């Protein structure tokens, strides 16, 4: 038997809960260099168990960025020393987005 619930719409993650496994998924919008209006370069889907390094690798693989780019949460730089921290420690609002730059 599977039980599904969702969190209120203000929550960043959409939870699909069942007794075998609990994962929440998030779609993070990605911009290049800066957020410019409504023209993102893409979106990546990650789980609430993902770390920042996973996000970096997904952007590289799915959006075609070569290794060596940098990331920001909105306008706040994400440092390589933070790559082992969970994504949910950084991205808590539906208004958050990722900026990639060189």
N, C-alpha and C. Protein backbone atom coordinates (compact mmCIF):
# COMPACT_ATOMS: atom_id res chain seq x y z
N UNK A 1 0.84 -1.18 0.00
CA UNK A 1 0.00 0.00 0.00
C UNK A 1 0.88 1.23 0.00
N UNK A 2 0.57 2.18 -0.83
CA UNK A 2 1.33 3.41 -0.94
C UNK A 2 0.46 4.57 -0.51
N UNK A 3 1.03 5.44 0.30
CA UNK A 3 0.33 6.63 0.75
C UNK A 3 1.06 7.83 0.19
N UNK A 4 0.35 8.71 -0.52
CA UNK A 4 0.97 9.89 -1.09
C UNK A 4 0.40 11.13 -0.42
N UNK A 5 1.29 12.08 -0.14
CA UNK A 5 0.88 13.37 0.39
C UNK A 5 1.71 14.44 -0.27
N UNK A 6 1.23 15.65 -0.25
CA UNK A 6 2.02 16.77 -0.76
C UNK A 6 2.08 17.84 0.30
N UNK A 7 3.15 18.63 0.25
CA UNK A 7 3.31 19.72 1.19
C UNK A 7 2.55 20.94 0.67
N UNK A 8 2.33 21.94 1.50
CA UNK A 8 1.68 23.16 1.04
C UNK A 8 2.46 23.78 -0.12
N UNK A 9 1.78 24.58 -0.92
CA UNK A 9 2.40 25.13 -2.13
C UNK A 9 3.57 26.05 -1.84
N UNK A 10 3.72 26.54 -0.61
CA UNK A 10 4.85 27.40 -0.29
C UNK A 10 6.15 26.63 -0.15
N UNK A 11 6.06 25.32 -0.05
CA UNK A 11 7.25 24.50 0.10
C UNK A 11 7.99 24.38 -1.21
N UNK A 12 9.30 24.33 -1.13
CA UNK A 12 10.13 24.20 -2.33
C UNK A 12 9.99 22.84 -2.96
N UNK A 13 9.97 21.79 -2.15
CA UNK A 13 9.95 20.43 -2.66
C UNK A 13 8.54 19.87 -2.71
N UNK A 14 8.24 19.10 -3.74
CA UNK A 14 6.98 18.37 -3.84
C UNK A 14 7.25 16.96 -3.34
N UNK A 15 6.60 16.60 -2.26
CA UNK A 15 6.87 15.32 -1.63
C UNK A 15 5.93 14.25 -2.12
N UNK A 16 6.49 13.11 -2.48
CA UNK A 16 5.73 11.92 -2.80
C UNK A 16 6.21 10.88 -1.80
N UNK A 17 5.42 10.63 -0.81
CA UNK A 17 5.84 9.79 0.30
C UNK A 17 5.22 8.41 0.20
N UNK A 18 6.04 7.37 0.35
CA UNK A 18 5.51 6.03 0.48
C UNK A 18 6.34 5.29 1.52
N UNK A 19 5.88 4.14 1.93
CA UNK A 19 6.51 3.43 3.03
C UNK A 19 7.88 2.86 2.67
N UNK A 20 8.14 2.59 1.40
CA UNK A 20 9.42 2.02 1.01
C UNK A 20 10.50 3.09 0.86
N UNK A 21 10.14 4.25 0.35
CA UNK A 21 11.14 5.27 0.04
C UNK A 21 10.47 6.63 0.06
N UNK A 22 11.15 7.61 0.59
CA UNK A 22 10.62 8.97 0.62
C UNK A 22 11.59 9.89 -0.11
N UNK A 23 11.16 10.40 -1.24
CA UNK A 23 11.98 11.34 -2.01
C UNK A 23 11.14 12.55 -2.36
N UNK A 24 11.76 13.69 -2.36
CA UNK A 24 11.12 14.91 -2.82
C UNK A 24 11.93 15.40 -4.02
N UNK A 25 11.24 15.92 -5.00
CA UNK A 25 11.90 16.39 -6.21
C UNK A 25 11.71 17.90 -6.35
N UNK A 26 12.73 18.52 -6.94
CA UNK A 26 12.67 19.96 -7.19
C UNK A 26 13.19 20.22 -8.60
N UNK A 27 12.57 21.15 -9.26
CA UNK A 27 13.06 21.64 -10.54
C UNK A 27 13.67 23.01 -10.30
N UNK A 28 14.97 23.13 -10.50
CA UNK A 28 15.64 24.42 -10.33
C UNK A 28 15.90 25.05 -11.70
N UNK A 29 15.45 26.28 -11.86
CA UNK A 29 15.67 27.03 -13.09
C UNK A 29 17.12 27.51 -13.13
N UNK A 30 17.73 27.39 -14.31
CA UNK A 30 19.13 27.75 -14.48
C UNK A 30 19.26 28.89 -15.50
N UNK A 31 20.03 29.90 -15.13
CA UNK A 31 20.33 31.03 -16.01
C UNK A 31 21.84 31.09 -16.23
N UNK A 32 22.25 31.70 -17.35
CA UNK A 32 23.68 31.87 -17.61
C UNK A 32 24.07 33.32 -17.37
N UNK A 33 25.09 33.53 -16.58
CA UNK A 33 25.68 34.83 -16.22
C UNK A 33 24.81 35.67 -15.28
N UNK A 34 23.54 35.83 -15.60
CA UNK A 34 22.62 36.56 -14.73
C UNK A 34 21.19 36.24 -15.12
N UNK A 35 20.28 36.48 -14.20
CA UNK A 35 18.87 36.27 -14.51
C UNK A 35 18.39 37.44 -15.34
N UNK A 36 17.90 37.12 -16.52
CA UNK A 36 17.42 38.16 -17.42
C UNK A 36 15.98 37.88 -17.78
N UNK A 37 15.09 38.56 -17.12
CA UNK A 37 13.67 38.40 -17.43
C UNK A 37 13.21 36.97 -17.31
N UNK A 38 12.53 36.51 -18.33
CA UNK A 38 11.96 35.17 -18.29
C UNK A 38 12.58 34.29 -19.37
N UNK A 39 13.91 34.28 -19.48
CA UNK A 39 14.56 33.45 -20.50
C UNK A 39 15.65 32.57 -19.90
N UNK A 40 15.24 31.58 -19.09
CA UNK A 40 16.24 30.66 -18.54
C UNK A 40 16.83 29.78 -19.64
N UNK A 41 18.01 29.22 -19.36
CA UNK A 41 18.62 28.31 -20.33
C UNK A 41 18.17 26.88 -20.10
N UNK A 42 17.50 26.63 -18.97
CA UNK A 42 17.01 25.28 -18.71
C UNK A 42 16.60 25.08 -17.27
N UNK A 43 16.27 23.84 -16.98
CA UNK A 43 15.89 23.44 -15.63
C UNK A 43 16.45 22.06 -15.35
N UNK A 44 16.88 21.83 -14.11
CA UNK A 44 17.36 20.51 -13.71
C UNK A 44 16.47 19.99 -12.59
N UNK A 45 16.22 18.69 -12.60
CA UNK A 45 15.40 18.03 -11.58
C UNK A 45 16.33 17.30 -10.61
N UNK A 46 16.23 17.63 -9.34
CA UNK A 46 17.06 16.99 -8.32
C UNK A 46 16.18 16.54 -7.16
N UNK A 47 16.73 15.71 -6.29
CA UNK A 47 15.97 15.25 -5.13
C UNK A 47 16.41 15.98 -3.87
N UNK A 48 15.63 15.83 -2.82
CA UNK A 48 15.99 16.46 -1.56
C UNK A 48 17.21 15.80 -0.91
N UNK A 49 17.67 14.68 -1.46
CA UNK A 49 18.88 14.02 -0.96
C UNK A 49 20.12 14.45 -1.73
N UNK A 50 19.95 15.24 -2.77
CA UNK A 50 21.07 15.69 -3.60
C UNK A 50 21.95 16.68 -2.86
N UNK A 51 23.24 16.63 -3.17
CA UNK A 51 24.18 17.62 -2.66
C UNK A 51 24.52 18.58 -3.79
N UNK A 52 25.16 19.68 -3.45
CA UNK A 52 25.50 20.71 -4.45
C UNK A 52 26.34 20.13 -5.58
N UNK A 53 27.23 19.18 -5.28
CA UNK A 53 28.03 18.55 -6.33
C UNK A 53 27.13 17.85 -7.35
N UNK A 54 26.05 17.22 -6.90
CA UNK A 54 25.09 16.59 -7.82
C UNK A 54 24.47 17.63 -8.74
N UNK A 55 24.11 18.77 -8.18
CA UNK A 55 23.54 19.85 -8.98
C UNK A 55 24.54 20.31 -10.03
N UNK A 56 25.80 20.48 -9.64
CA UNK A 56 26.86 20.89 -10.57
C UNK A 56 26.96 19.89 -11.73
N UNK A 57 27.00 18.61 -11.39
CA UNK A 57 27.13 17.57 -12.42
C UNK A 57 25.91 17.51 -13.33
N UNK A 58 24.73 17.73 -12.79
CA UNK A 58 23.52 17.72 -13.62
C UNK A 58 23.52 18.89 -14.60
N UNK A 59 23.93 20.05 -14.13
CA UNK A 59 24.00 21.21 -15.03
C UNK A 59 25.02 20.95 -16.12
N UNK A 60 26.16 20.38 -15.76
CA UNK A 60 27.19 20.06 -16.74
C UNK A 60 26.68 19.06 -17.77
N UNK A 61 26.08 17.97 -17.31
CA UNK A 61 25.64 16.89 -18.20
C UNK A 61 24.39 17.24 -19.00
N UNK A 62 23.39 17.81 -18.34
CA UNK A 62 22.10 18.03 -18.99
C UNK A 62 22.04 19.32 -19.80
N UNK A 63 22.81 20.33 -19.40
CA UNK A 63 22.76 21.61 -20.10
C UNK A 63 24.02 21.89 -20.90
N UNK A 64 24.98 20.95 -20.87
CA UNK A 64 26.15 21.03 -21.73
C UNK A 64 27.23 22.02 -21.30
N UNK A 65 27.33 22.33 -20.03
CA UNK A 65 28.39 23.22 -19.57
C UNK A 65 29.64 22.40 -19.28
N UNK A 66 30.77 22.87 -19.80
CA UNK A 66 32.03 22.17 -19.55
C UNK A 66 32.49 22.44 -18.12
N UNK A 67 33.21 21.50 -17.57
CA UNK A 67 33.72 21.60 -16.21
C UNK A 67 34.49 22.90 -16.04
N UNK A 68 34.39 23.48 -14.87
CA UNK A 68 35.10 24.72 -14.57
C UNK A 68 34.19 25.91 -14.38
N UNK A 69 32.90 25.76 -14.63
CA UNK A 69 32.00 26.89 -14.41
C UNK A 69 31.73 27.05 -12.91
N UNK A 70 31.19 28.20 -12.55
CA UNK A 70 30.85 28.51 -11.17
C UNK A 70 29.34 28.65 -11.08
N UNK A 71 28.82 28.57 -9.85
CA UNK A 71 27.38 28.68 -9.65
C UNK A 71 27.07 29.70 -8.56
N UNK A 72 25.88 30.29 -8.69
CA UNK A 72 25.34 31.16 -7.66
C UNK A 72 23.91 30.71 -7.36
N UNK A 73 23.51 30.89 -6.12
CA UNK A 73 22.10 30.79 -5.76
C UNK A 73 21.60 32.22 -5.84
N UNK A 74 20.72 32.48 -6.78
CA UNK A 74 20.30 33.84 -7.05
C UNK A 74 21.56 34.66 -7.31
N UNK A 75 21.98 35.53 -6.42
CA UNK A 75 23.22 36.31 -6.61
C UNK A 75 24.29 35.97 -5.59
N UNK A 76 24.14 34.86 -4.88
CA UNK A 76 25.08 34.47 -3.84
C UNK A 76 25.97 33.33 -4.35
N UNK A 77 27.29 33.55 -4.44
CA UNK A 77 28.18 32.50 -4.94
C UNK A 77 28.11 31.22 -4.08
N UNK A 78 28.16 30.09 -4.76
CA UNK A 78 28.26 28.79 -4.10
C UNK A 78 29.70 28.35 -4.24
N UNK A 79 30.36 28.15 -3.12
CA UNK A 79 31.79 27.83 -3.12
C UNK A 79 32.01 26.32 -3.26
N UNK A 80 33.12 25.90 -3.89
CA UNK A 80 33.43 24.48 -3.99
C UNK A 80 33.48 23.77 -2.62
N UNK A 81 33.82 24.51 -1.59
CA UNK A 81 33.85 23.92 -0.24
C UNK A 81 32.45 23.56 0.25
N UNK A 82 31.42 24.03 -0.44
CA UNK A 82 30.03 23.75 -0.06
C UNK A 82 29.42 22.61 -0.87
N UNK A 83 30.19 21.99 -1.75
CA UNK A 83 29.66 20.99 -2.68
C UNK A 83 29.13 19.73 -1.99
N UNK A 84 29.53 19.45 -0.77
CA UNK A 84 29.04 18.27 -0.07
C UNK A 84 27.81 18.55 0.78
N UNK A 85 27.33 19.77 0.77
CA UNK A 85 26.13 20.13 1.53
C UNK A 85 24.87 19.83 0.71
N UNK A 86 23.80 19.52 1.39
CA UNK A 86 22.55 19.21 0.69
C UNK A 86 21.96 20.45 0.02
N UNK A 87 21.37 20.22 -1.13
CA UNK A 87 20.75 21.30 -1.89
C UNK A 87 19.70 22.03 -1.06
N UNK A 88 18.97 21.29 -0.22
CA UNK A 88 17.90 21.93 0.56
C UNK A 88 18.43 22.92 1.59
N UNK A 89 19.74 22.89 1.86
CA UNK A 89 20.33 23.88 2.75
C UNK A 89 20.50 25.23 2.05
N UNK A 90 20.46 25.23 0.73
CA UNK A 90 20.66 26.45 -0.05
C UNK A 90 19.39 26.94 -0.72
N UNK A 91 18.63 26.03 -1.30
CA UNK A 91 17.47 26.39 -2.09
C UNK A 91 16.21 26.06 -1.31
N UNK A 92 15.60 27.06 -0.69
CA UNK A 92 14.47 26.83 0.20
C UNK A 92 13.18 27.46 -0.31
N UNK A 93 13.25 28.27 -1.32
CA UNK A 93 12.08 28.97 -1.82
C UNK A 93 11.83 28.61 -3.28
N UNK A 94 10.59 28.64 -3.68
CA UNK A 94 10.26 28.41 -5.09
C UNK A 94 10.81 29.52 -5.98
N UNK A 95 11.17 30.65 -5.40
CA UNK A 95 11.73 31.77 -6.17
C UNK A 95 13.23 31.65 -6.37
N UNK A 96 13.88 30.69 -5.72
CA UNK A 96 15.32 30.51 -5.88
C UNK A 96 15.64 29.96 -7.26
N UNK A 97 16.82 30.31 -7.77
CA UNK A 97 17.27 29.85 -9.07
C UNK A 97 18.78 29.74 -9.04
N UNK A 98 19.34 29.12 -10.08
CA UNK A 98 20.79 28.92 -10.19
C UNK A 98 21.30 29.80 -11.34
N UNK A 99 22.42 30.47 -11.11
CA UNK A 99 23.12 31.20 -12.15
C UNK A 99 24.46 30.52 -12.36
N UNK A 100 24.79 30.16 -13.60
CA UNK A 100 26.09 29.60 -13.92
C UNK A 100 26.90 30.65 -14.68
N UNK A 101 28.19 30.68 -14.38
CA UNK A 101 29.06 31.67 -15.01
C UNK A 101 30.49 31.17 -14.98
N UNK A 102 31.37 31.84 -15.73
CA UNK A 102 32.80 31.50 -15.77
C UNK A 102 33.61 32.54 -15.03
